[in-house]
Amino acid sequence: MVEITNPPPLYSSQSSASSNTATKEDRAVLSSDFETFLKMLTVQVQNQDPLNPVDSTEYATQLATFSSVEQQVQTNDLLRNISNVLGGNALSEMSRWIGMEGLVRAPAQFSGQPVTVRPQYANGADAAVMVVRNGSGMEVQRFDIEVGEQSVLWGGHDNDGNMLPVGNYSFHIESYDGGKLTDTAMAQVYSTIDEVRNYNGNVMIRMADGTELNSEMINGLRAGDA
């Protein structure tokens, strides 16, 4: 089994088409504003009071201000180009995630094969129970597990030992201290990654059970045939 824990975060990028459109729009606005600025400056010079002319320093200030705006637009263009290069590399990396199994705190799709569950326990717990629920939230199985056990292989059976149907199941860990329930938390599971996509600047991961989450919520990766 090949397993990667704490995978590097994915980085999102805007599409080349949208980036080019934004760049053209910025340049069009800049060009339009520059023409308007020159017209206003010309009119200002033509209509100033010859007995009280405008100080040349004011013209210099106006020109410097517009030059600063122009430089900022050009800087934005450069940053977009850099982002496109980095984004292309990120998309190439993301394509490798599809078909792999990601470690997430979400339901898992049971297809007849055992599901690897990663429990987490409350501090001070001396006993723990794993509770399995189906896609409707109904409890279908519960059993004791050893506190500190890092990995539990769930075979897909109910409390009577009968094989459960294919579907989505969630796993919750009840932590006990001295026989008293102190915490209940959803466990992490390995679930197949079906899709990786850019949504409003965020890299979204779609799991086999239909759950969609941010790429930063993937806490581990392993080969899909593990």
C-alpha atoms as a PDB file:
ATOM      1  CA  MET A   1       0.000   0.000   0.000  1.00  0.00           C
ATOM      2  CA  VAL A   2       1.335   3.393  -0.986  1.00  0.00           C
ATOM      3  CA  GLU A   3       0.201   6.089   1.419  1.00  0.00           C
ATOM      4  CA  ILE A   4       0.990   9.785   1.528  1.00  0.00           C
ATOM      5  CA  THR A   5       0.094  11.687   4.676  1.00  0.00           C
ATOM      6  CA  ASN A   6      -0.345  15.452   4.782  1.00  0.00           C
ATOM      7  CA  PRO A   7      -0.190  15.977   0.994  1.00  0.00           C
ATOM      8  CA  PRO A   8       0.920  19.389  -0.250  1.00  0.00           C
ATOM      9  CA  PRO A   9      -1.959  21.835  -0.710  1.00  0.00           C
ATOM     10  CA  LEU A  10      -3.303  22.327  -4.170  1.00  0.00           C
ATOM     11  CA  TYR A  11      -3.317  25.742  -5.730  1.00  0.00           C
ATOM     12  CA  SER A  12      -6.132  27.073  -7.846  1.00  0.00           C
ATOM     13  CA  SER A  13      -5.865  29.144 -11.032  1.00  0.00           C
ATOM     14  CA  GLN A  14      -8.286  31.073 -13.193  1.00  0.00           C
ATOM     15  CA  SER A  15      -8.740  29.818 -16.726  1.00  0.00           C
ATOM     16  CA  SER A  16      -6.591  31.311 -19.462  1.00  0.00           C
ATOM     17  CA  ALA A  17      -9.637  32.659 -21.255  1.00  0.00           C
ATOM     18  CA  SER A  18     -10.975  34.547 -18.236  1.00  0.00           C
ATOM     19  CA  SER A  19      -7.486  35.854 -17.430  1.00  0.00           C
ATOM     20  CA  ASN A  20      -6.991  37.170 -20.960  1.00  0.00           C
ATOM     21  CA  THR A  21     -10.423  38.769 -20.882  1.00  0.00           C
ATOM     22  CA  ALA A  22      -9.646  40.511 -17.598  1.00  0.00           C
ATOM     23  CA  THR A  23      -6.305  41.746 -18.969  1.00  0.00           C
ATOM     24  CA  LYS A  24      -7.926  43.143 -22.141  1.00  0.00           C
ATOM     25  CA  GLU A  25     -10.611  44.855 -20.071  1.00  0.00           C
ATOM     26  CA  ASP A  26      -8.016  46.473 -17.807  1.00  0.00           C
ATOM     27  CA  ARG A  27      -6.059  47.715 -20.791  1.00  0.00           C
ATOM     28  CA  ALA A  28      -9.217  49.032 -22.458  1.00  0.00           C
ATOM     29  CA  VAL A  29     -10.180  50.905 -19.296  1.00  0.00           C
ATOM     30  CA  LEU A  30      -6.653  52.254 -18.923  1.00  0.00           C
ATOM     31  CA  SER A  31      -6.596  53.433 -22.550  1.00  0.00           C
ATOM     32  CA  SER A  32     -10.008  55.069 -22.196  1.00  0.00           C
ATOM     33  CA  ASP A  33      -9.043  56.755 -18.937  1.00  0.00           C
ATOM     34  CA  PHE A  34      -5.778  57.993 -20.441  1.00  0.00           C
ATOM     35  CA  GLU A  35      -7.588  59.605 -23.382  1.00  0.00           C
ATOM     36  CA  THR A  36     -10.102  61.177 -21.020  1.00  0.00           C
ATOM     37  CA  PHE A  37      -7.269  62.406 -18.794  1.00  0.00           C
ATOM     38  CA  LEU A  38      -5.480  64.044 -21.752  1.00  0.00           C
ATOM     39  CA  LYS A  39      -8.701  65.738 -22.919  1.00  0.00           C
ATOM     40  CA  MET A  40      -9.352  67.106 -19.447  1.00  0.00           C
ATOM     41  CA  LEU A  41      -5.766  68.264 -19.114  1.00  0.00           C
ATOM     42  CA  THR A  42      -5.933  70.000 -22.531  1.00  0.00           C
ATOM     43  CA  VAL A  43      -9.198  71.726 -21.657  1.00  0.00           C
ATOM     44  CA  GLN A  44      -7.745  72.773 -18.333  1.00  0.00           C
ATOM     45  CA  VAL A  45      -4.733  74.373 -20.030  1.00  0.00           C
ATOM     46  CA  GLN A  46      -6.867  76.095 -22.687  1.00  0.00           C
ATOM     47  CA  ASN A  47      -9.295  77.584 -20.194  1.00  0.00           C
ATOM     48  CA  GLN A  48      -7.012  78.641 -17.383  1.00  0.00           C
ATOM     49  CA  ASP A  49      -6.878  82.254 -16.359  1.00  0.00           C
ATOM     50  CA  PRO A  50      -3.886  83.803 -18.131  1.00  0.00           C
ATOM     51  CA  LEU A  51      -3.503  86.246 -15.222  1.00  0.00           C
ATOM     52  CA  ASN A  52      -3.530  83.364 -12.706  1.00  0.00           C
ATOM     53  CA  PRO A  53      -2.182  80.282 -14.492  1.00  0.00           C
ATOM     54  CA  VAL A  54      -2.223  76.852 -12.854  1.00  0.00           C
ATOM     55  CA  ASP A  55       1.030  75.975 -11.161  1.00  0.00           C
ATOM     56  CA  SER A  56       3.057  73.563 -13.302  1.00  0.00           C
ATOM     57  CA  THR A  57       3.558  71.453 -10.180  1.00  0.00           C
ATOM     58  CA  GLU A  58      -0.110  70.481 -10.286  1.00  0.00           C
ATOM     59  CA  TYR A  59       0.280  69.171 -13.847  1.00  0.00           C
ATOM     60  CA  ALA A  60       3.308  67.157 -12.785  1.00  0.00           C
ATOM     61  CA  THR A  61       1.356  65.705  -9.842  1.00  0.00           C
ATOM     62  CA  GLN A  62      -1.528  64.683 -12.084  1.00  0.00           C
ATOM     63  CA  LEU A  63       0.815  63.025 -14.573  1.00  0.00           C
ATOM     64  CA  ALA A  64       2.650  61.180 -11.785  1.00  0.00           C
ATOM     65  CA  THR A  65      -0.642  59.944 -10.350  1.00  0.00           C
ATOM     66  CA  PHE A  66      -1.812  58.564 -13.674  1.00  0.00           C
ATOM     67  CA  SER A  67       1.608  56.990 -14.293  1.00  0.00           C
ATOM     68  CA  SER A  68       1.308  55.197 -10.944  1.00  0.00           C
ATOM     69  CA  VAL A  69      -2.075  53.753 -11.943  1.00  0.00           C
ATOM     70  CA  GLU A  70      -0.661  52.610 -15.284  1.00  0.00           C
ATOM     71  CA  GLN A  71       2.221  50.848 -13.554  1.00  0.00           C
ATOM     72  CA  GLN A  72      -0.191  49.113 -11.187  1.00  0.00           C
ATOM     73  CA  VAL A  73      -2.238  47.748 -14.105  1.00  0.00           C
ATOM     74  CA  GLN A  74       0.938  46.468 -15.750  1.00  0.00           C
ATOM     75  CA  THR A  75       1.960  44.829 -12.472  1.00  0.00           C
ATOM     76  CA  ASN A  76      -1.417  43.100 -12.300  1.00  0.00           C
ATOM     77  CA  ASP A  77      -0.885  41.780 -15.835  1.00  0.00           C
ATOM     78  CA  LEU A  78       2.488  40.369 -14.804  1.00  0.00           C
ATOM     79  CA  LEU A  79       1.010  38.702 -11.714  1.00  0.00           C
ATOM     80  CA  ARG A  80      -1.727  37.118 -13.846  1.00  0.00           C
ATOM     81  CA  ASN A  81       0.875  35.687 -16.181  1.00  0.00           C
ATOM     82  CA  ILE A  82       2.814  34.225 -13.259  1.00  0.00           C
ATOM     83  CA  SER A  83      -0.411  32.806 -11.816  1.00  0.00           C
ATOM     84  CA  ASN A  84      -1.241  31.143 -15.132  1.00  0.00           C
ATOM     85  CA  VAL A  85       2.156  29.417 -15.208  1.00  0.00           C
ATOM     86  CA  LEU A  86       1.833  28.192 -11.634  1.00  0.00           C
ATOM     87  CA  GLY A  87      -1.796  27.226 -12.235  1.00  0.00           C
ATOM     88  CA  GLY A  88      -0.864  25.046 -15.186  1.00  0.00           C
ATOM     89  CA  ASN A  89       1.591  23.132 -13.009  1.00  0.00           C
ATOM     90  CA  ALA A  90      -1.019  22.778 -10.253  1.00  0.00           C
ATOM     91  CA  LEU A  91      -3.605  21.362 -12.647  1.00  0.00           C
ATOM     92  CA  SER A  92      -1.070  18.788 -13.786  1.00  0.00           C
ATOM     93  CA  GLU A  93      -0.487  17.769 -10.171  1.00  0.00           C
ATOM     94  CA  MET A  94      -4.204  17.652  -9.393  1.00  0.00           C
ATOM     95  CA  SER A  95      -4.883  15.199 -12.186  1.00  0.00           C
ATOM     96  CA  ARG A  96      -2.875  12.578 -10.272  1.00  0.00           C
ATOM     97  CA  TRP A  97      -5.312  12.737  -7.353  1.00  0.00           C
ATOM     98  CA  ILE A  98      -8.270  11.420  -9.353  1.00  0.00           C
ATOM     99  CA  GLY A  99      -8.756   7.723  -8.669  1.00  0.00           C
ATOM    100  CA  MET A 100      -6.650   7.826  -5.514  1.00  0.00           C
ATOM    101  CA  GLU A 101      -8.102   7.472  -2.026  1.00  0.00           C
ATOM    102  CA  GLY A 102      -8.101  10.565   0.148  1.00  0.00           C
ATOM    103  CA  LEU A 103      -8.252  10.550   3.940  1.00  0.00           C
ATOM    104  CA  VAL A 104     -11.216  12.759   4.870  1.00  0.00           C
ATOM    105  CA  ARG A 105     -13.670  13.331   7.687  1.00  0.00           C
ATOM    106  CA  ALA A 106     -16.721  12.375   5.646  1.00  0.00           C
ATOM    107  CA  PRO A 107     -18.908   9.364   4.785  1.00  0.00           C
ATOM    108  CA  ALA A 108     -17.415   6.587   2.668  1.00  0.00           C
ATOM    109  CA  GLN A 109     -18.922   4.636  -0.187  1.00  0.00           C
ATOM    110  CA  PHE A 110     -19.160   0.918   0.642  1.00  0.00           C
ATOM    111  CA  SER A 111     -19.042  -1.253  -2.472  1.00  0.00           C
ATOM    112  CA  GLY A 112     -18.539  -4.639  -0.819  1.00  0.00           C
ATOM    113  CA  GLN A 113     -14.868  -4.089  -0.004  1.00  0.00           C
ATOM    114  CA  PRO A 114     -13.627  -3.294   3.545  1.00  0.00           C
ATOM    115  CA  VAL A 115     -13.385   0.376   4.485  1.00  0.00           C
ATOM    116  CA  THR A 116     -10.353   1.705   6.357  1.00  0.00           C
ATOM    117  CA  VAL A 117     -11.403   3.932   9.262  1.00  0.00           C
ATOM    118  CA  ARG A 118      -9.056   6.194  11.230  1.00  0.00           C
ATOM    119  CA  PRO A 119     -10.558   6.789  14.702  1.00  0.00           C
ATOM    120  CA  GLN A 120      -9.793   9.759  16.937  1.00  0.00           C
ATOM    121  CA  TYR A 121     -10.378   9.663  20.679  1.00  0.00           C
ATOM    122  CA  ALA A 122     -11.130  12.289  23.292  1.00  0.00           C
ATOM    123  CA  ASN A 123      -8.379  13.103  25.776  1.00  0.00           C
ATOM    124  CA  GLY A 124      -8.576  10.896  28.836  1.00  0.00           C
ATOM    125  CA  ALA A 125     -10.811   8.273  27.198  1.00  0.00           C
ATOM    126  CA  ASP A 126     -10.422   4.754  28.577  1.00  0.00           C
ATOM    127  CA  ALA A 127     -12.969   3.073  26.277  1.00  0.00           C
ATOM    128  CA  ALA A 128     -14.399   3.699  22.837  1.00  0.00           C
ATOM    129  CA  VAL A 129     -17.220   2.504  20.593  1.00  0.00           C
ATOM    130  CA  MET A 130     -17.489   2.803  16.828  1.00  0.00           C
ATOM    131  CA  VAL A 131     -21.000   3.585  15.574  1.00  0.00           C
ATOM    132  CA  VAL A 132     -21.804   2.992  11.907  1.00  0.00           C
ATOM    133  CA  ARG A 133     -24.691   4.807  10.225  1.00  0.00           C
ATOM    134  CA  ASN A 134     -26.097   4.408   6.732  1.00  0.00           C
ATOM    135  CA  GLY A 135     -26.839   7.173   4.259  1.00  0.00           C
ATOM    136  CA  SER A 136     -30.128   7.952   6.030  1.00  0.00           C
ATOM    137  CA  GLY A 137     -28.374   8.414   9.366  1.00  0.00           C
ATOM    138  CA  MET A 138     -29.758   5.186  10.814  1.00  0.00           C
ATOM    139  CA  GLU A 139     -27.437   3.236  13.096  1.00  0.00           C
ATOM    140  CA  VAL A 140     -26.624  -0.150  11.553  1.00  0.00           C
ATOM    141  CA  GLN A 141     -23.773  -1.353  13.755  1.00  0.00           C
ATOM    142  CA  ARG A 142     -21.790  -0.540  16.875  1.00  0.00           C
ATOM    143  CA  PHE A 143     -18.848  -2.307  18.432  1.00  0.00           C
ATOM    144  CA  ASP A 144     -16.061  -1.697  20.952  1.00  0.00           C
ATOM    145  CA  ILE A 145     -12.599  -0.672  19.783  1.00  0.00           C
ATOM    146  CA  GLU A 146      -9.370  -0.285  21.700  1.00  0.00           C
ATOM    147  CA  VAL A 147      -8.467   3.278  22.660  1.00  0.00           C
ATOM    148  CA  GLY A 148      -5.363   4.215  20.733  1.00  0.00           C
ATOM    149  CA  GLU A 149      -6.072   1.884  17.818  1.00  0.00           C
ATOM    150  CA  GLN A 150      -5.027   3.940  14.792  1.00  0.00           C
ATOM    151  CA  SER A 151      -6.773   1.997  12.045  1.00  0.00           C
ATOM    152  CA  VAL A 152      -9.942  -0.123  11.969  1.00  0.00           C
ATOM    153  CA  LEU A 153     -10.954  -2.198   8.941  1.00  0.00           C
ATOM    154  CA  TRP A 154     -14.752  -2.230   8.675  1.00  0.00           C
ATOM    155  CA  GLY A 155     -16.065  -5.249   6.776  1.00  0.00           C
ATOM    156  CA  GLY A 156     -19.567  -3.960   6.047  1.00  0.00           C
ATOM    157  CA  HIS A 157     -21.697  -6.042   8.426  1.00  0.00           C
ATOM    158  CA  ASP A 158     -24.576  -5.130  10.717  1.00  0.00           C
ATOM    159  CA  ASN A 159     -24.910  -6.081  14.406  1.00  0.00           C
ATOM    160  CA  ASP A 160     -26.186  -9.548  13.428  1.00  0.00           C
ATOM    161  CA  GLY A 161     -23.248 -10.225  11.098  1.00  0.00           C
ATOM    162  CA  ASN A 162     -25.253  -9.762   7.907  1.00  0.00           C
ATOM    163  CA  MET A 163     -23.604  -8.062   4.941  1.00  0.00           C
ATOM    164  CA  LEU A 164     -24.967  -4.556   4.453  1.00  0.00           C
ATOM    165  CA  PRO A 165     -26.018  -3.245   1.026  1.00  0.00           C
ATOM    166  CA  VAL A 166     -23.807  -1.077  -1.129  1.00  0.00           C
ATOM    167  CA  GLY A 167     -24.134   2.578  -0.193  1.00  0.00           C
ATOM    168  CA  ASN A 168     -22.715   5.444   1.827  1.00  0.00           C
ATOM    169  CA  TYR A 169     -21.831   4.942   5.487  1.00  0.00           C
ATOM    170  CA  SER A 170     -20.451   7.248   8.154  1.00  0.00           C
ATOM    171  CA  PHE A 171     -18.386   6.263  11.181  1.00  0.00           C
ATOM    172  CA  HIS A 172     -18.566   7.945  14.574  1.00  0.00           C
ATOM    173  CA  ILE A 173     -16.342   7.369  17.590  1.00  0.00           C
ATOM    174  CA  GLU A 174     -17.902   7.542  21.052  1.00  0.00           C
ATOM    175  CA  SER A 175     -15.271   8.172  23.725  1.00  0.00           C
ATOM    176  CA  TYR A 176     -15.924   7.087  27.333  1.00  0.00           C
ATOM    177  CA  ASP A 177     -14.192   7.905  30.593  1.00  0.00           C
ATOM    178  CA  GLY A 178     -15.168   5.761  33.577  1.00  0.00           C
ATOM    179  CA  GLY A 179     -18.238   4.533  31.737  1.00  0.00           C
ATOM    180  CA  LYS A 180     -19.408   8.077  30.955  1.00  0.00           C
ATOM    181  CA  LEU A 181     -19.729   9.299  27.362  1.00  0.00           C
ATOM    182  CA  THR A 182     -17.444  12.319  26.967  1.00  0.00           C
ATOM    183  CA  ASP A 183     -17.320  12.913  23.212  1.00  0.00           C
ATOM    184  CA  THR A 184     -18.699  11.774  19.861  1.00  0.00           C
ATOM    185  CA  ALA A 185     -16.799  12.623  16.678  1.00  0.00           C
ATOM    186  CA  MET A 186     -16.906  11.531  13.036  1.00  0.00           C
ATOM    187  CA  ALA A 187     -13.904   9.394  12.129  1.00  0.00           C
ATOM    188  CA  GLN A 188     -11.712   9.871   9.095  1.00  0.00           C
ATOM    189  CA  VAL A 189     -11.993   7.371   6.251  1.00  0.00           C
ATOM    190  CA  TYR A 190     -10.232   6.655   2.991  1.00  0.00           C
ATOM    191  CA  SER A 191     -12.591   7.515   0.149  1.00  0.00           C
ATOM    192  CA  THR A 192     -11.993   7.515  -3.618  1.00  0.00           C
ATOM    193  CA  ILE A 193     -11.464  10.901  -5.273  1.00  0.00           C
ATOM    194  CA  ASP A 194     -13.728  11.168  -8.325  1.00  0.00           C
ATOM    195  CA  GLU A 195     -13.171  14.772  -9.362  1.00  0.00           C
ATOM    196  CA  VAL A 196     -10.887  17.740  -8.756  1.00  0.00           C
ATOM    197  CA  ARG A 197     -12.061  21.117  -9.996  1.00  0.00           C
ATOM    198  CA  ASN A 198     -11.684  24.851  -9.618  1.00  0.00           C
ATOM    199  CA  TYR A 199     -14.706  26.602  -8.113  1.00  0.00           C
ATOM    200  CA  ASN A 200     -14.594  30.366  -7.570  1.00  0.00           C
ATOM    201  CA  GLY A 201     -10.867  30.271  -6.997  1.00  0.00           C
ATOM    202  CA  ASN A 202     -10.973  27.286  -4.637  1.00  0.00           C
ATOM    203  CA  VAL A 203      -9.856  23.759  -5.444  1.00  0.00           C
ATOM    204  CA  MET A 204     -12.780  21.458  -4.684  1.00  0.00           C
ATOM    205  CA  ILE A 205     -12.576  17.688  -4.299  1.00  0.00           C
ATOM    206  CA  ARG A 206     -15.547  15.446  -5.063  1.00  0.00           C
ATOM    207  CA  MET A 207     -15.442  12.095  -3.273  1.00  0.00           C
ATOM    208  CA  ALA A 208     -17.044   8.831  -4.414  1.00  0.00           C
ATOM    209  CA  ASP A 209     -19.941   9.260  -1.968  1.00  0.00           C
ATOM    210  CA  GLY A 210     -20.789  12.662  -3.489  1.00  0.00           C
ATOM    211  CA  THR A 211     -19.246  14.742  -0.720  1.00  0.00           C
ATOM    212  CA  GLU A 212     -17.541  17.918  -1.934  1.00  0.00           C
ATOM    213  CA  LEU A 213     -14.866  19.580   0.159  1.00  0.00           C
ATOM    214  CA  ASN A 214     -11.892  21.896  -0.072  1.00  0.00           C
ATOM    215  CA  SER A 215      -8.583  20.281  -1.042  1.00  0.00           C
ATOM    216  CA  GLU A 216      -7.073  21.391   2.280  1.00  0.00           C
ATOM    217  CA  MET A 217      -9.406  18.930   4.034  1.00  0.00           C
ATOM    218  CA  ILE A 218      -7.580  15.972   2.461  1.00  0.00           C
ATOM    219  CA  ASN A 219      -5.290  14.710   5.234  1.00  0.00           C
ATOM    220  CA  GLY A 220      -3.712  11.802   3.383  1.00  0.00           C
ATOM    221  CA  LEU A 221      -3.504   9.997   0.066  1.00  0.00           C
ATOM    222  CA  ARG A 222      -2.987   6.410  -0.958  1.00  0.00           C
ATOM    223  CA  ALA A 223      -3.212   4.366  -4.154  1.00  0.00           C
ATOM    224  CA  GLY A 224      -6.752   3.519  -5.178  1.00  0.00           C
ATOM    225  CA  ASP A 225      -6.154  -0.226  -5.207  1.00  0.00           C
ATOM    226  CA  ALA A 226      -4.824  -0.256  -1.629  1.00  0.00           C
END
